[in-house]
Amino acid sequence: MAVTAKILGVPTQTLGSWARLSGKGQLKGAGDKPVSAQQMELARLRAELSRVKMERDILKKATAYFARESL
């Protein structure tokens, strides 16, 4: 479960709570709406996209820095 929590970017305890609530059919979203698998996947993909954009920006800055150093 720790690996999954890391992939999702959430604490292990939170993921465990979600799993327990989901098993009982009590997992709720914002405003007490049930959270579907598609909504969970969308949230995970949005978090991953945000992380990848941040990595891209860091690499872009590093590339520019080292390009200036080599001149």
C-alpha atoms as a PDB file:
ATOM      1  CA  MET A   1       0.000   0.000   0.000  1.00  0.00           C
ATOM      2  CA  ALA A   2       2.954   2.339   0.599  1.00  0.00           C
ATOM      3  CA  VAL A   3       3.969   2.175  -3.063  1.00  0.00           C
ATOM      4  CA  THR A   4       0.438   2.975  -4.196  1.00  0.00           C
ATOM      5  CA  ALA A   5       0.248   5.896  -1.770  1.00  0.00           C
ATOM      6  CA  LYS A   6       3.539   7.229  -3.127  1.00  0.00           C
ATOM      7  CA  ILE A   7       2.304   6.922  -6.725  1.00  0.00           C
ATOM      8  CA  LEU A   8      -0.911   8.741  -5.825  1.00  0.00           C
ATOM      9  CA  GLY A   9       0.971  11.319  -3.785  1.00  0.00           C
ATOM     10  CA  VAL A  10      -1.031  10.773  -0.606  1.00  0.00           C
ATOM     11  CA  PRO A  11      -0.003   9.634   2.876  1.00  0.00           C
ATOM     12  CA  THR A  12      -0.215   5.867   3.485  1.00  0.00           C
ATOM     13  CA  GLN A  13      -2.650   6.384   6.372  1.00  0.00           C
ATOM     14  CA  THR A  14      -4.993   8.380   4.134  1.00  0.00           C
ATOM     15  CA  LEU A  15      -4.986   5.679   1.488  1.00  0.00           C
ATOM     16  CA  GLY A  16      -5.684   3.075   4.173  1.00  0.00           C
ATOM     17  CA  SER A  17      -8.637   5.097   5.441  1.00  0.00           C
ATOM     18  CA  TRP A  18      -9.981   5.437   1.908  1.00  0.00           C
ATOM     19  CA  ALA A  19      -9.647   1.691   1.340  1.00  0.00           C
ATOM     20  CA  ARG A  20     -11.509   0.877   4.585  1.00  0.00           C
ATOM     21  CA  LEU A  21     -14.296   3.348   3.796  1.00  0.00           C
ATOM     22  CA  SER A  22     -14.559   2.106   0.222  1.00  0.00           C
ATOM     23  CA  GLY A  23     -14.851  -1.480   1.447  1.00  0.00           C
ATOM     24  CA  LYS A  24     -17.763  -0.444   3.633  1.00  0.00           C
ATOM     25  CA  GLY A  25     -19.326   1.573   0.805  1.00  0.00           C
ATOM     26  CA  GLN A  26     -18.901   4.756   2.811  1.00  0.00           C
ATOM     27  CA  LEU A  27     -16.300   6.595   0.725  1.00  0.00           C
ATOM     28  CA  LYS A  28     -17.619  10.083   0.069  1.00  0.00           C
ATOM     29  CA  GLY A  29     -16.290  12.959  -2.002  1.00  0.00           C
ATOM     30  CA  ALA A  30     -16.681  16.688  -1.591  1.00  0.00           C
ATOM     31  CA  GLY A  31     -20.209  17.571  -0.536  1.00  0.00           C
ATOM     32  CA  ASP A  32     -20.936  13.958   0.548  1.00  0.00           C
ATOM     33  CA  LYS A  33     -21.108  12.729  -3.050  1.00  0.00           C
ATOM     34  CA  PRO A  34     -19.817   9.198  -3.648  1.00  0.00           C
ATOM     35  CA  VAL A  35     -16.439   9.103  -5.399  1.00  0.00           C
ATOM     36  CA  SER A  36     -16.360   6.968  -8.535  1.00  0.00           C
ATOM     37  CA  ALA A  37     -13.337   5.088  -9.819  1.00  0.00           C
ATOM     38  CA  GLN A  38     -13.203   7.478 -12.767  1.00  0.00           C
ATOM     39  CA  GLN A  39     -13.089  10.489 -10.448  1.00  0.00           C
ATOM     40  CA  MET A  40     -10.297   8.914  -8.436  1.00  0.00           C
ATOM     41  CA  GLU A  41      -8.340   8.180 -11.621  1.00  0.00           C
ATOM     42  CA  LEU A  42      -8.901  11.742 -12.856  1.00  0.00           C
ATOM     43  CA  ALA A  43      -7.581  13.150  -9.571  1.00  0.00           C
ATOM     44  CA  ARG A  44      -4.529  10.887  -9.786  1.00  0.00           C
ATOM     45  CA  LEU A  45      -3.853  11.932 -13.380  1.00  0.00           C
ATOM     46  CA  ARG A  46      -4.191  15.613 -12.518  1.00  0.00           C
ATOM     47  CA  ALA A  47      -1.692  15.228  -9.674  1.00  0.00           C
ATOM     48  CA  GLU A  48       0.699  13.345 -11.973  1.00  0.00           C
ATOM     49  CA  LEU A  49       0.343  16.021 -14.677  1.00  0.00           C
ATOM     50  CA  SER A  50       1.154  18.715 -12.140  1.00  0.00           C
ATOM     51  CA  ARG A  51       4.253  16.813 -11.008  1.00  0.00           C
ATOM     52  CA  VAL A  52       5.420  16.201 -14.587  1.00  0.00           C
ATOM     53  CA  LYS A  53       4.958  19.889 -15.489  1.00  0.00           C
ATOM     54  CA  MET A  54       7.057  20.872 -12.474  1.00  0.00           C
ATOM     55  CA  GLU A  55       9.784  18.388 -13.494  1.00  0.00           C
ATOM     56  CA  ARG A  56       9.682  19.740 -17.065  1.00  0.00           C
ATOM     57  CA  ASP A  57      10.097  23.320 -15.854  1.00  0.00           C
ATOM     58  CA  ILE A  58      13.044  22.346 -13.657  1.00  0.00           C
ATOM     59  CA  LEU A  59      14.720  20.531 -16.553  1.00  0.00           C
ATOM     60  CA  LYS A  60      14.109  23.502 -18.853  1.00  0.00           C
ATOM     61  CA  LYS A  61      15.792  25.852 -16.376  1.00  0.00           C
ATOM     62  CA  ALA A  62      18.691  23.439 -15.850  1.00  0.00           C
ATOM     63  CA  THR A  63      19.191  23.115 -19.605  1.00  0.00           C
ATOM     64  CA  ALA A  64      19.279  26.887 -20.014  1.00  0.00           C
ATOM     65  CA  TYR A  65      21.732  27.217 -17.120  1.00  0.00           C
ATOM     66  CA  PHE A  66      24.153  24.633 -18.484  1.00  0.00           C
ATOM     67  CA  ALA A  67      23.846  26.021 -22.024  1.00  0.00           C
ATOM     68  CA  ARG A  68      24.996  29.413 -20.713  1.00  0.00           C
ATOM     69  CA  GLU A  69      27.868  27.805 -18.789  1.00  0.00           C
ATOM     70  CA  SER A  70      29.193  26.060 -21.895  1.00  0.00           C
ATOM     71  CA  LEU A  71      29.458  29.298 -23.944  1.00  0.00           C
END
